[in-house]
Structures are given as structure tokens and as C-alpha cells.
Protein backbone atom coordinates (compact mmCIF):
# COMPACT_ATOMS: atom_id res chain seq x y z
CA UNK A 1 -0.09 -0.32 0.05
CA UNK A 2 1.44 3.67 -1.12
CA UNK A 3 0.35 6.34 1.22
CA UNK A 4 -0.16 10.10 -0.57
CA UNK A 5 -1.28 13.03 0.49
CA UNK A 6 -2.02 16.45 -1.96
CA UNK A 7 -2.68 19.83 -1.01
CA UNK A 8 -5.37 21.44 -3.50
CA UNK A 9 -7.27 25.05 -3.01
CA UNK A 10 -11.05 25.79 -3.23
CA UNK A 11 -12.30 29.09 -4.01
CA UNK A 12 -13.74 30.88 -0.45
CA UNK A 13 -17.13 30.92 -1.36
CA UNK A 14 -17.63 27.46 -2.81
CA UNK A 15 -16.31 25.98 -0.06
CA UNK A 16 -20.39 24.23 0.41
CA UNK A 17 -20.33 23.30 -3.26
CA UNK A 18 -17.24 21.39 -3.11
CA UNK A 19 -18.74 19.40 0.14
CA UNK A 20 -22.02 19.09 -2.20
CA UNK A 21 -20.87 17.86 -5.29
CA UNK A 22 -18.06 15.10 -3.26
CA UNK A 23 -21.57 14.46 -1.09
CA UNK A 24 -22.85 13.52 -4.51
CA UNK A 25 -19.83 11.77 -5.92
CA UNK A 26 -21.12 9.82 -9.31
CA UNK A 27 -21.04 6.09 -8.46
CA UNK A 28 -19.15 5.96 -11.89
CA UNK A 29 -16.67 8.02 -10.44
CA UNK A 30 -16.35 6.19 -7.60
CA UNK A 31 -16.12 2.89 -9.31
CA UNK A 32 -12.88 4.14 -11.53
CA UNK A 33 -11.39 5.25 -8.31
CA UNK A 34 -11.47 1.87 -6.79
CA UNK A 35 -10.75 0.01 -10.13
CA UNK A 36 -7.26 2.02 -9.98
CA UNK A 37 -6.47 1.23 -6.64
CA UNK A 38 -7.50 3.48 -4.48
CA UNK A 39 -8.02 1.42 -0.97
CA UNK A 40 -9.28 5.12 0.67
CA UNK A 41 -9.50 8.69 -0.37
CA UNK A 42 -10.52 11.63 2.06
CA UNK A 43 -10.12 15.07 1.73
CA UNK A 44 -10.41 17.81 4.33
CA UNK A 45 -10.93 21.41 4.60
CA UNK A 46 -8.80 24.31 5.85
CA UNK A 47 -11.95 27.37 6.21
CA UNK A 48 -9.35 29.87 7.25
CA UNK A 49 -7.60 29.38 4.10
CA UNK A 50 -9.96 27.49 2.20
CA UNK A 51 -6.78 24.29 1.52
CA UNK A 52 -8.07 21.11 0.82
CA UNK A 53 -5.83 18.36 2.33
CA UNK A 54 -6.66 15.04 0.53
CA UNK A 55 -4.68 12.12 1.80
CA UNK A 56 -5.18 8.53 -0.07
CA UNK A 57 -4.34 4.97 0.46
CA UNK A 58 -3.41 3.35 -3.26
CA UNK A 59 -2.31 -0.04 -4.08
CA UNK A 60 0.62 1.51 -6.52
CA UNK A 61 1.49 4.61 -8.34
CA UNK A 62 1.75 3.60 -11.69
CA UNK A 63 -2.28 2.10 -11.35
CA UNK A 64 -3.07 5.63 -9.84
CA UNK A 65 -1.71 7.32 -12.08
CA UNK A 66 -3.69 6.17 -15.24
CA UNK A 67 -6.45 7.53 -13.44
CA UNK A 68 -6.13 11.12 -15.33
CA UNK A 69 -6.70 9.76 -18.70
CA UNK A 70 -10.33 7.86 -17.87
CA UNK A 71 -12.91 9.54 -19.40
CA UNK A 72 -14.58 9.61 -15.93
CA UNK A 73 -12.27 11.81 -14.51
CA UNK A 74 -11.90 14.10 -17.55
CA UNK A 75 -15.83 14.93 -16.73
CA UNK A 76 -14.78 14.98 -13.31
CA UNK A 77 -12.16 17.91 -13.51
CA UNK A 78 -14.45 20.35 -15.82
CA UNK A 79 -17.39 19.54 -13.43
CA UNK A 80 -14.97 20.81 -10.66
CA UNK A 81 -13.06 23.63 -12.21
CA UNK A 82 -15.11 26.77 -11.20
CA UNK A 83 -14.68 26.00 -7.47
CA UNK A 84 -11.24 25.57 -7.33
CA UNK A 85 -8.10 26.32 -8.94
CA UNK A 86 -7.38 24.05 -11.97
CA UNK A 87 -4.14 23.71 -14.75
CA UNK A 88 -5.35 24.50 -18.13
CA UNK A 89 -6.01 20.80 -18.40
CA UNK A 90 -8.81 21.44 -16.26
CA UNK A 91 -7.06 19.06 -13.02
CA UNK A 92 -6.79 20.84 -9.81
CA UNK A 93 -3.62 22.47 -9.00
CA UNK A 94 -2.39 20.29 -6.83
CA UNK A 95 0.95 19.81 -4.53
CA UNK A 96 2.34 16.04 -3.59
CA UNK A 97 3.87 16.52 0.38
CA UNK A 98 6.34 14.73 1.89
CA UNK A 99 5.48 12.75 4.31
CA UNK A 100 8.09 13.21 7.58
CA UNK A 101 5.91 11.37 10.56
CA UNK A 102 3.68 8.42 11.07
CA UNK A 103 3.21 6.37 14.71
């Protein structure tokens, strides 16, 4: 199992919408994540800074990296681009975080 953490940003006035869209996650998106090795995926919000912290447990990096090319993921990125910081390809601006401690 591989543990990953990422930092992203949601627009300050879109916190509730971000949560709503994830509460209503499309079944085909959930299926794709699981098919690509997601064992666990949690996202936390720092309300003061609008920073999102994503924590994932995946089976392997290569399989996980293929999620970006799936049609459903491309559709999800387009669906989310109006409420968070994104790159020109509509993917979220995400910074990988380095592990420094584990108990």
C-alpha cells in the first residue's frame, strides 16, 4: 500500500458546493477510483485558508497515475473547475506533500 497526501485550493465562497459535489460523487467516478487501486481517499478543508488536504491509500503509483486519462476523471475535472484552482487541462492544482512522520 502507498500513502499519498496532496494540497489543493477551493475558492473561499465555494466550500459548501465543494462538499455537496463530493457528497453526491458520481457512482462511475467512485468505481473508477476503486478500479485504479484507491483503497481509501479522504479530503479535509481548512476553512480559514480554503486549503484542501487530500489523503489517499492506493495499491500502486503506476495504476493510480492512469486515473488522469480516464474519460470519467476528465469529466469530473471539468465539473469541478468552476469552484477550485485548476490547471489549463482542468486538473486541480495539486501539490504532493512529503511524509515526515507516522506513528
